[in-house]
Amino acid sequence: IARSEMGQGTLTGLAQLVAEELGC
């Protein structure tokens, strides 16, 4: 994840998008 996590949940949201397309 290139973006920063500061309590807003960006880390989880971006991981969800990657995981969705990855199918993991």
PDB file of all heavy atoms in Angstrom:
ATOM      1  N   ILE A   1       0.851  -1.190   0.000  1.00  0.00           N
ATOM      2  CA  ILE A   1       0.000   0.000   0.000  1.00  0.00           C
ATOM      3  C   ILE A   1       0.888   1.242   0.000  1.00  0.00           C
ATOM      4  O   ILE A   1       1.653   1.468   0.942  1.00  0.00           O
ATOM      5  CB  ILE A   1      -0.933   0.012   1.227  1.00  0.00           C
ATOM      6  CG1 ILE A   1      -1.746  -1.287   1.299  1.00  0.00           C
ATOM      7  CG2 ILE A   1      -1.828   1.243   1.196  1.00  0.00           C
ATOM      8  CD1 ILE A   1      -2.679  -1.509   0.128  1.00  0.00           C
ATOM      9  N   ALA A   2       0.772   2.053  -1.046  1.00  0.00           N
ATOM     10  CA  ALA A   2       1.606   3.257  -1.139  1.00  0.00           C
ATOM     11  C   ALA A   2       1.051   4.412  -0.320  1.00  0.00           C
ATOM     12  O   ALA A   2       1.791   5.277   0.129  1.00  0.00           O
ATOM     13  CB  ALA A   2       1.745   3.681  -2.599  1.00  0.00           C
ATOM     14  N   ARG A   3      -0.254   4.449  -0.138  1.00  0.00           N
ATOM     15  CA  ARG A   3      -0.875   5.539   0.623  1.00  0.00           C
ATOM     16  C   ARG A   3      -0.677   5.332   2.120  1.00  0.00           C
ATOM     17  O   ARG A   3      -0.378   4.234   2.583  1.00  0.00           O
ATOM     18  CB  ARG A   3      -2.358   5.618   0.297  1.00  0.00           C
ATOM     19  CG  ARG A   3      -2.677   5.688  -1.189  1.00  0.00           C
ATOM     20  CD  ARG A   3      -2.343   7.034  -1.818  1.00  0.00           C
ATOM     21  NE  ARG A   3      -2.696   7.058  -3.235  1.00  0.00           N
ATOM     22  CZ  ARG A   3      -2.685   8.141  -3.987  1.00  0.00           C
ATOM     23  NH1 ARG A   3      -2.341   9.309  -3.472  1.00  0.00           N
ATOM     24  NH2 ARG A   3      -3.014   8.079  -5.266  1.00  0.00           N
ATOM     25  N   SER A   4      -0.895   6.396   2.893  1.00  0.00           N
ATOM     26  CA  SER A   4      -0.644   6.357   4.336  1.00  0.00           C
ATOM     27  C   SER A   4      -1.911   6.026   5.112  1.00  0.00           C
ATOM     28  O   SER A   4      -3.008   6.433   4.733  1.00  0.00           O
ATOM     29  CB  SER A   4      -0.097   7.706   4.811  1.00  0.00           C
ATOM     30  OG  SER A   4       1.125   8.012   4.180  1.00  0.00           O
ATOM     31  N   GLU A   5      -1.720   5.317   6.203  1.00  0.00           N
ATOM     32  CA  GLU A   5      -2.827   5.026   7.130  1.00  0.00           C
ATOM     33  C   GLU A   5      -2.695   5.924   8.347  1.00  0.00           C
ATOM     34  O   GLU A   5      -1.667   5.931   9.016  1.00  0.00           O
ATOM     35  CB  GLU A   5      -2.790   3.557   7.560  1.00  0.00           C
ATOM     36  CG  GLU A   5      -3.876   3.174   8.553  1.00  0.00           C
ATOM     37  CD  GLU A   5      -5.281   3.443   8.022  1.00  0.00           C
ATOM     38  OE1 GLU A   5      -5.618   2.967   6.921  1.00  0.00           O
ATOM     39  OE2 GLU A   5      -6.033   4.152   8.727  1.00  0.00           O
ATOM     40  N   MET A   6      -3.763   6.701   8.605  1.00  0.00           N
ATOM     41  CA  MET A   6      -3.758   7.596   9.762  1.00  0.00           C
ATOM     42  C   MET A   6      -5.079   7.522  10.505  1.00  0.00           C
ATOM     43  O   MET A   6      -5.539   8.493  11.094  1.00  0.00           O
ATOM     44  CB  MET A   6      -3.450   9.028   9.314  1.00  0.00           C
ATOM     45  CG  MET A   6      -4.270   9.521   8.138  1.00  0.00           C
ATOM     46  SD  MET A   6      -3.627  11.086   7.484  1.00  0.00           S
ATOM     47  CE  MET A   6      -3.846  10.832   5.732  1.00  0.00           C
ATOM     48  N   GLY A   7      -5.703   6.333  10.455  1.00  0.00           N
ATOM     49  CA  GLY A   7      -6.959   6.137  11.155  1.00  0.00           C
ATOM     50  C   GLY A   7      -8.176   6.197  10.267  1.00  0.00           C
ATOM     51  O   GLY A   7      -9.288   5.942  10.726  1.00  0.00           O
ATOM     52  N   GLN A   8      -7.984   6.519   8.987  1.00  0.00           N
ATOM     53  CA  GLN A   8      -9.118   6.711   8.091  1.00  0.00           C
ATOM     54  C   GLN A   8      -9.533   5.444   7.364  1.00  0.00           C
ATOM     55  O   GLN A   8     -10.556   5.418   6.688  1.00  0.00           O
ATOM     56  CB  GLN A   8      -8.815   7.839   7.094  1.00  0.00           C
ATOM     57  CG  GLN A   8      -7.994   7.432   5.868  1.00  0.00           C
ATOM     58  CD  GLN A   8      -6.507   7.306   6.131  1.00  0.00           C
ATOM     59  OE1 GLN A   8      -6.076   6.898   7.202  1.00  0.00           O
ATOM     60  NE2 GLN A   8      -5.702   7.635   5.142  1.00  0.00           N
ATOM     61  N   GLY A   9      -8.724   4.364   7.461  1.00  0.00           N
ATOM     62  CA  GLY A   9      -9.105   3.091   6.862  1.00  0.00           C
ATOM     63  C   GLY A   9      -8.645   2.893   5.440  1.00  0.00           C
ATOM     64  O   GLY A   9      -9.038   1.925   4.792  1.00  0.00           O
ATOM     65  N   THR A  10      -7.796   3.786   4.926  1.00  0.00           N
ATOM     66  CA  THR A  10      -7.338   3.662   3.551  1.00  0.00           C
ATOM     67  C   THR A  10      -6.598   2.353   3.315  1.00  0.00           C
ATOM     68  O   THR A  10      -6.763   1.711   2.272  1.00  0.00           O
ATOM     69  CB  THR A  10      -6.432   4.860   3.198  1.00  0.00           C
ATOM     70  OG1 THR A  10      -7.233   6.035   3.124  1.00  0.00           O
ATOM     71  CG2 THR A  10      -5.734   4.666   1.872  1.00  0.00           C
ATOM     72  N   LEU A  11      -5.780   1.951   4.272  1.00  0.00           N
ATOM     73  CA  LEU A  11      -5.008   0.729   4.121  1.00  0.00           C
ATOM     74  C   LEU A  11      -5.923  -0.468   3.874  1.00  0.00           C
ATOM     75  O   LEU A  11      -5.701  -1.274   2.964  1.00  0.00           O
ATOM     76  CB  LEU A  11      -4.151   0.513   5.374  1.00  0.00           C
ATOM     77  CG  LEU A  11      -3.238  -0.709   5.414  1.00  0.00           C
ATOM     78  CD1 LEU A  11      -1.945  -0.363   6.134  1.00  0.00           C
ATOM     79  CD2 LEU A  11      -3.911  -1.867   6.133  1.00  0.00           C
ATOM     80  N   THR A  12      -6.977  -0.587   4.664  1.00  0.00           N
ATOM     81  CA  THR A  12      -7.903  -1.709   4.504  1.00  0.00           C
ATOM     82  C   THR A  12      -8.682  -1.600   3.203  1.00  0.00           C
ATOM     83  O   THR A  12      -8.852  -2.588   2.479  1.00  0.00           O
ATOM     84  CB  THR A  12      -8.877  -1.770   5.697  1.00  0.00           C
ATOM     85  OG1 THR A  12      -8.126  -1.951   6.899  1.00  0.00           O
ATOM     86  CG2 THR A  12      -9.869  -2.920   5.540  1.00  0.00           C
ATOM     87  N   GLY A  13      -9.167  -0.412   2.868  1.00  0.00           N
ATOM     88  CA  GLY A  13      -9.938  -0.239   1.647  1.00  0.00           C
ATOM     89  C   GLY A  13      -9.144  -0.576   0.401  1.00  0.00           C
ATOM     90  O   GLY A  13      -9.640  -1.259  -0.510  1.00  0.00           O
ATOM     91  N   LEU A  14      -7.894  -0.110   0.334  1.00  0.00           N
ATOM     92  CA  LEU A  14      -7.064  -0.426  -0.823  1.00  0.00           C
ATOM     93  C   LEU A  14      -6.742  -1.914  -0.877  1.00  0.00           C
ATOM     94  O   LEU A  14      -6.719  -2.515  -1.963  1.00  0.00           O
ATOM     95  CB  LEU A  14      -5.781   0.403  -0.784  1.00  0.00           C
ATOM     96  CG  LEU A  14      -5.953   1.897  -1.033  1.00  0.00           C
ATOM     97  CD1 LEU A  14      -4.638   2.641  -0.853  1.00  0.00           C
ATOM     98  CD2 LEU A  14      -6.504   2.164  -2.431  1.00  0.00           C
ATOM     99  N   ALA A  15      -6.498  -2.516   0.279  1.00  0.00           N
ATOM    100  CA  ALA A  15      -6.241  -3.957   0.303  1.00  0.00           C
ATOM    101  C   ALA A  15      -7.464  -4.733  -0.180  1.00  0.00           C
ATOM    102  O   ALA A  15      -7.332  -5.747  -0.879  1.00  0.00           O
ATOM    103  CB  ALA A  15      -5.851  -4.393   1.711  1.00  0.00           C
ATOM    104  N   GLN A  16      -8.654  -4.274   0.166  1.00  0.00           N
ATOM    105  CA  GLN A  16      -9.865  -4.929  -0.314  1.00  0.00           C
ATOM    106  C   GLN A  16      -9.944  -4.901  -1.833  1.00  0.00           C
ATOM    107  O   GLN A  16     -10.338  -5.889  -2.468  1.00  0.00           O
ATOM    108  CB  GLN A  16     -11.112  -4.254   0.273  1.00  0.00           C
ATOM    109  CG  GLN A  16     -11.401  -4.588   1.726  1.00  0.00           C
ATOM    110  CD  GLN A  16     -12.646  -3.884   2.240  1.00  0.00           C
ATOM    111  OE1 GLN A  16     -12.542  -2.893   2.950  1.00  0.00           O
ATOM    112  NE2 GLN A  16     -13.812  -4.375   1.875  1.00  0.00           N
ATOM    113  N   LEU A  17      -9.590  -3.770  -2.430  1.00  0.00           N
ATOM    114  CA  LEU A  17      -9.657  -3.647  -3.883  1.00  0.00           C
ATOM    115  C   LEU A  17      -8.665  -4.581  -4.561  1.00  0.00           C
ATOM    116  O   LEU A  17      -8.982  -5.221  -5.578  1.00  0.00           O
ATOM    117  CB  LEU A  17      -9.400  -2.203  -4.295  1.00  0.00           C
ATOM    118  CG  LEU A  17     -10.488  -1.197  -3.914  1.00  0.00           C
ATOM    119  CD1 LEU A  17     -10.015   0.228  -4.168  1.00  0.00           C
ATOM    120  CD2 LEU A  17     -11.780  -1.463  -4.681  1.00  0.00           C
ATOM    121  N   VAL A  18      -7.446  -4.664  -4.024  1.00  0.00           N
ATOM    122  CA  VAL A  18      -6.452  -5.576  -4.585  1.00  0.00           C
ATOM    123  C   VAL A  18      -6.899  -7.021  -4.405  1.00  0.00           C
ATOM    124  O   VAL A  18      -6.851  -7.822  -5.348  1.00  0.00           O
ATOM    125  CB  VAL A  18      -5.072  -5.350  -3.932  1.00  0.00           C
ATOM    126  CG1 VAL A  18      -4.072  -6.384  -4.442  1.00  0.00           C
ATOM    127  CG2 VAL A  18      -4.562  -3.947  -4.214  1.00  0.00           C
ATOM    128  N   ALA A  19      -7.339  -7.355  -3.198  1.00  0.00           N
ATOM    129  CA  ALA A  19      -7.750  -8.730  -2.907  1.00  0.00           C
ATOM    130  C   ALA A  19      -8.938  -9.160  -3.750  1.00  0.00           C
ATOM    131  O   ALA A  19      -9.043 -10.322  -4.159  1.00  0.00           O
ATOM    132  CB  ALA A  19      -8.075  -8.869  -1.428  1.00  0.00           C
ATOM    133  N   GLU A  20      -9.830  -8.217  -4.011  1.00  0.00           N
ATOM    134  CA  GLU A  20     -11.001  -8.532  -4.840  1.00  0.00           C
ATOM    135  C   GLU A  20     -10.575  -8.983  -6.230  1.00  0.00           C
ATOM    136  O   GLU A  20     -11.040 -10.014  -6.740  1.00  0.00           O
ATOM    137  CB  GLU A  20     -11.893  -7.295  -4.937  1.00  0.00           C
ATOM    138  CG  GLU A  20     -13.133  -7.477  -5.793  1.00  0.00           C
ATOM    139  CD  GLU A  20     -14.074  -8.518  -5.249  1.00  0.00           C
ATOM    140  OE1 GLU A  20     -14.540  -8.369  -4.110  1.00  0.00           O
ATOM    141  OE2 GLU A  20     -14.345  -9.508  -5.976  1.00  0.00           O
ATOM    142  N   GLU A  21      -9.711  -8.220  -6.854  1.00  0.00           N
ATOM    143  CA  GLU A  21      -9.274  -8.571  -8.202  1.00  0.00           C
ATOM    144  C   GLU A  21      -8.327  -9.765  -8.204  1.00  0.00           C
ATOM    145  O   GLU A  21      -8.289 -10.530  -9.170  1.00  0.00           O
ATOM    146  CB  GLU A  21      -8.592  -7.365  -8.855  1.00  0.00           C
ATOM    147  CG  GLU A  21      -9.480  -6.141  -9.021  1.00  0.00           C
ATOM    148  CD  GLU A  21     -10.585  -6.332 -10.053  1.00  0.00           C
ATOM    149  OE1 GLU A  21     -10.542  -7.331 -10.808  1.00  0.00           O
ATOM    150  OE2 GLU A  21     -11.488  -5.474 -10.115  1.00  0.00           O
ATOM    151  N   LEU A  22      -7.575  -9.940  -7.136  1.00  0.00           N
ATOM    152  CA  LEU A  22      -6.648 -11.059  -7.030  1.00  0.00           C
ATOM    153  C   LEU A  22      -7.382 -12.377  -6.838  1.00  0.00           C
ATOM    154  O   LEU A  22      -6.970 -13.422  -7.349  1.00  0.00           O
ATOM    155  CB  LEU A  22      -5.680 -10.809  -5.873  1.00  0.00           C
ATOM    156  CG  LEU A  22      -4.615 -11.873  -5.583  1.00  0.00           C
ATOM    157  CD1 LEU A  22      -3.687 -12.041  -6.777  1.00  0.00           C
ATOM    158  CD2 LEU A  22      -3.823 -11.480  -4.328  1.00  0.00           C
ATOM    159  N   GLY A  23      -8.486 -12.335  -6.085  1.00  0.00           N
ATOM    160  CA  GLY A  23      -9.227 -13.557  -5.808  1.00  0.00           C
ATOM    161  C   GLY A  23      -8.611 -14.386  -4.700  1.00  0.00           C
ATOM    162  O   GLY A  23      -8.714 -15.616  -4.700  1.00  0.00           O
ATOM    163  N   CYS A  24      -7.959 -13.724  -3.742  1.00  0.00           N
ATOM    164  CA  CYS A  24      -7.304 -14.450  -2.658  1.00  0.00           C
ATOM    165  C   CYS A  24      -8.257 -14.661  -1.482  1.00  0.00           C
ATOM    166  O   CYS A  24      -9.401 -14.203  -1.492  1.00  0.00           O
ATOM    167  CB  CYS A  24      -6.071 -13.693  -2.201  1.00  0.00           C
ATOM    168  SG  CYS A  24      -6.429 -12.090  -1.448  1.00  0.00           S
TER     169      CYS A  24
END
